[in-house]
Structures are given as structure tokens and as C-alpha cells.
Amino acid sequence: MAKVTAGELITLNVENQEVTIKVEDASKSDFISGKVERSSSENYKEGNVYEFDRSLLKEK
């Protein structure tokens, strides 16, 4: 499973849209919460905080 830390900027592919978040909490096993920094999706507004399924992360 990919590891992330609070404060890290990551880009996720959500519903075929790119969403860049600043991780706020990665301590939960299945979800990562983060503030949206950039988004090409109307469902994820910049400045708002959402939870994302950790499975969206790709191993590097």
C-alpha cells in the first residue's frame, strides 16, 4: 500500500478527473482526507476537504 504523510501534495485520478490534494490525515487504513488544491472535477471544489479511498493511490 502506498504511504503518504500529512502535508504531502498528491494527485489522484478520481472518476477520470485529476484532483490534487494536500493530505490532512492519512492515519485511517482505508481513507485519506485532504484539502483540494487543484481539480478538474466539478464534484471536488478547490479549498474543500474530502475523504478519498486509499485504493486511488498508485504504488510507485
N, C-alpha and C. Protein backbone atom coordinates (compact mmCIF):
# COMPACT_ATOMS: atom_id res chain seq x y z
N MET A 1 0.85 -1.18 0.00
CA MET A 1 0.00 0.00 0.00
C MET A 1 0.89 1.24 0.00
N ALA A 2 0.56 2.20 -0.81
CA ALA A 2 1.34 3.43 -0.91
C ALA A 2 1.23 4.21 0.40
N LYS A 3 2.36 4.79 0.81
CA LYS A 3 2.38 5.58 2.04
C LYS A 3 2.37 7.06 1.69
N VAL A 4 1.59 7.80 2.46
CA VAL A 4 1.57 9.26 2.33
C VAL A 4 1.61 9.84 3.74
N THR A 5 2.02 11.10 3.84
CA THR A 5 2.09 11.76 5.13
C THR A 5 1.33 13.08 5.08
N ALA A 6 0.91 13.52 6.23
CA ALA A 6 0.20 14.81 6.32
C ALA A 6 1.08 15.92 5.76
N GLY A 7 0.47 16.80 5.00
CA GLY A 7 1.18 17.92 4.38
C GLY A 7 1.67 17.64 2.97
N GLU A 8 1.67 16.39 2.57
CA GLU A 8 2.14 15.99 1.24
C GLU A 8 1.09 16.35 0.19
N LEU A 9 1.55 16.83 -0.97
CA LEU A 9 0.67 17.07 -2.11
C LEU A 9 0.67 15.83 -2.99
N ILE A 10 -0.53 15.32 -3.28
CA ILE A 10 -0.64 14.16 -4.16
C ILE A 10 -1.74 14.41 -5.18
N THR A 11 -1.60 13.80 -6.35
CA THR A 11 -2.62 13.90 -7.39
C THR A 11 -3.27 12.54 -7.56
N LEU A 12 -4.60 12.55 -7.52
CA LEU A 12 -5.38 11.32 -7.67
C LEU A 12 -6.20 11.40 -8.94
N ASN A 13 -6.46 10.25 -9.53
CA ASN A 13 -7.36 10.16 -10.68
C ASN A 13 -8.71 9.69 -10.14
N VAL A 14 -9.66 10.61 -10.05
CA VAL A 14 -10.98 10.31 -9.49
C VAL A 14 -12.01 10.49 -10.60
N GLU A 15 -12.68 9.39 -10.94
CA GLU A 15 -13.71 9.44 -11.98
C GLU A 15 -13.16 10.06 -13.27
N ASN A 16 -11.95 9.64 -13.65
CA ASN A 16 -11.26 10.12 -14.86
C ASN A 16 -10.97 11.61 -14.83
N GLN A 17 -10.87 12.19 -13.64
CA GLN A 17 -10.52 13.60 -13.46
C GLN A 17 -9.34 13.66 -12.51
N GLU A 18 -8.43 14.64 -12.72
CA GLU A 18 -7.31 14.81 -11.81
C GLU A 18 -7.69 15.72 -10.66
N VAL A 19 -7.38 15.25 -9.45
CA VAL A 19 -7.63 16.02 -8.24
C VAL A 19 -6.34 16.04 -7.43
N THR A 20 -5.79 17.22 -7.18
CA THR A 20 -4.59 17.36 -6.37
C THR A 20 -5.00 17.80 -4.98
N ILE A 21 -4.55 17.04 -3.98
CA ILE A 21 -4.92 17.36 -2.60
C ILE A 21 -3.67 17.53 -1.74
N LYS A 22 -3.84 18.30 -0.67
CA LYS A 22 -2.83 18.38 0.37
C LYS A 22 -3.35 17.49 1.49
N VAL A 23 -2.63 16.42 1.77
CA VAL A 23 -3.07 15.42 2.74
C VAL A 23 -3.17 16.05 4.12
N GLU A 24 -4.31 15.85 4.76
CA GLU A 24 -4.51 16.32 6.13
C GLU A 24 -4.43 15.17 7.13
N ASP A 25 -4.96 14.01 6.76
CA ASP A 25 -4.95 12.86 7.66
C ASP A 25 -4.83 11.59 6.83
N ALA A 26 -3.74 10.86 7.05
CA ALA A 26 -3.54 9.60 6.34
C ALA A 26 -3.47 8.44 7.32
N SER A 27 -3.94 8.65 8.54
CA SER A 27 -3.82 7.63 9.58
C SER A 27 -4.88 6.54 9.47
N LYS A 28 -5.97 6.81 8.79
CA LYS A 28 -7.02 5.79 8.63
C LYS A 28 -6.56 4.77 7.60
N SER A 29 -6.92 3.52 7.81
CA SER A 29 -6.41 2.48 6.93
C SER A 29 -6.99 2.53 5.52
N ASP A 30 -8.26 2.90 5.38
CA ASP A 30 -8.90 2.82 4.07
C ASP A 30 -9.08 4.16 3.37
N PHE A 31 -8.93 5.26 4.10
CA PHE A 31 -9.21 6.58 3.53
C PHE A 31 -8.12 7.59 3.84
N ILE A 32 -8.02 8.58 2.99
CA ILE A 32 -7.12 9.71 3.18
C ILE A 32 -7.97 10.96 3.10
N SER A 33 -7.84 11.85 4.06
CA SER A 33 -8.57 13.11 3.95
C SER A 33 -7.59 14.18 3.50
N GLY A 34 -8.07 15.08 2.66
CA GLY A 34 -7.21 16.12 2.15
C GLY A 34 -7.98 17.30 1.60
N LYS A 35 -7.31 18.45 1.61
CA LYS A 35 -7.88 19.68 1.07
C LYS A 35 -7.53 19.77 -0.41
N VAL A 36 -8.54 20.01 -1.23
CA VAL A 36 -8.33 20.08 -2.67
C VAL A 36 -7.59 21.37 -3.03
N GLU A 37 -6.45 21.20 -3.68
CA GLU A 37 -5.63 22.33 -4.14
C GLU A 37 -5.96 22.67 -5.60
N ARG A 38 -6.13 21.63 -6.43
CA ARG A 38 -6.49 21.79 -7.84
C ARG A 38 -7.41 20.65 -8.23
N SER A 39 -8.37 20.96 -9.09
CA SER A 39 -9.30 19.91 -9.50
C SER A 39 -9.87 20.21 -10.88
N SER A 40 -9.94 19.16 -11.71
CA SER A 40 -10.62 19.29 -12.99
C SER A 40 -12.02 18.69 -12.90
N SER A 41 -12.44 18.33 -11.69
CA SER A 41 -13.76 17.72 -11.47
C SER A 41 -14.69 18.72 -10.78
N GLU A 42 -15.90 18.81 -11.28
CA GLU A 42 -16.89 19.68 -10.64
C GLU A 42 -17.34 19.12 -9.30
N ASN A 43 -17.11 17.84 -9.05
CA ASN A 43 -17.52 17.21 -7.80
C ASN A 43 -16.59 17.51 -6.63
N TYR A 44 -15.39 17.97 -6.92
CA TYR A 44 -14.40 18.25 -5.88
C TYR A 44 -13.93 19.70 -6.03
N LYS A 45 -14.47 20.56 -5.19
CA LYS A 45 -14.19 22.00 -5.27
C LYS A 45 -12.90 22.35 -4.56
N GLU A 46 -12.11 23.24 -5.17
CA GLU A 46 -10.87 23.70 -4.56
C GLU A 46 -11.15 24.36 -3.22
N GLY A 47 -10.31 24.06 -2.24
CA GLY A 47 -10.44 24.63 -0.91
C GLY A 47 -11.26 23.79 0.05
N ASN A 48 -12.01 22.83 -0.46
CA ASN A 48 -12.82 21.97 0.40
C ASN A 48 -12.03 20.71 0.79
N VAL A 49 -12.42 20.10 1.90
CA VAL A 49 -11.78 18.89 2.40
C VAL A 49 -12.70 17.70 2.12
N TYR A 50 -12.10 16.62 1.60
CA TYR A 50 -12.84 15.41 1.27
C TYR A 50 -12.05 14.20 1.75
N GLU A 51 -12.74 13.08 1.86
CA GLU A 51 -12.08 11.80 2.11
C GLU A 51 -12.01 11.04 0.79
N PHE A 52 -10.86 10.44 0.53
CA PHE A 52 -10.64 9.69 -0.69
C PHE A 52 -10.23 8.26 -0.33
N ASP A 53 -10.73 7.31 -1.10
CA ASP A 53 -10.37 5.92 -0.90
C ASP A 53 -8.88 5.74 -1.17
N ARG A 54 -8.20 5.10 -0.26
CA ARG A 54 -6.75 4.91 -0.39
C ARG A 54 -6.41 4.09 -1.64
N SER A 55 -7.34 3.31 -2.14
CA SER A 55 -7.08 2.50 -3.34
C SER A 55 -6.83 3.36 -4.58
N LEU A 56 -7.17 4.66 -4.52
CA LEU A 56 -6.89 5.57 -5.64
C LEU A 56 -5.39 5.85 -5.80
N LEU A 57 -4.62 5.57 -4.74
CA LEU A 57 -3.17 5.78 -4.80
C LEU A 57 -2.54 4.67 -5.63
N LYS A 58 -1.57 5.03 -6.41
CA LYS A 58 -0.84 4.06 -7.21
C LYS A 58 0.54 3.85 -6.58
N GLU A 59 0.95 2.62 -6.49
CA GLU A 59 2.30 2.32 -6.00
C GLU A 59 3.32 2.85 -7.00
N LYS A 60 4.41 3.41 -6.48
CA LYS A 60 5.48 3.91 -7.36
C LYS A 60 6.65 2.98 -7.35
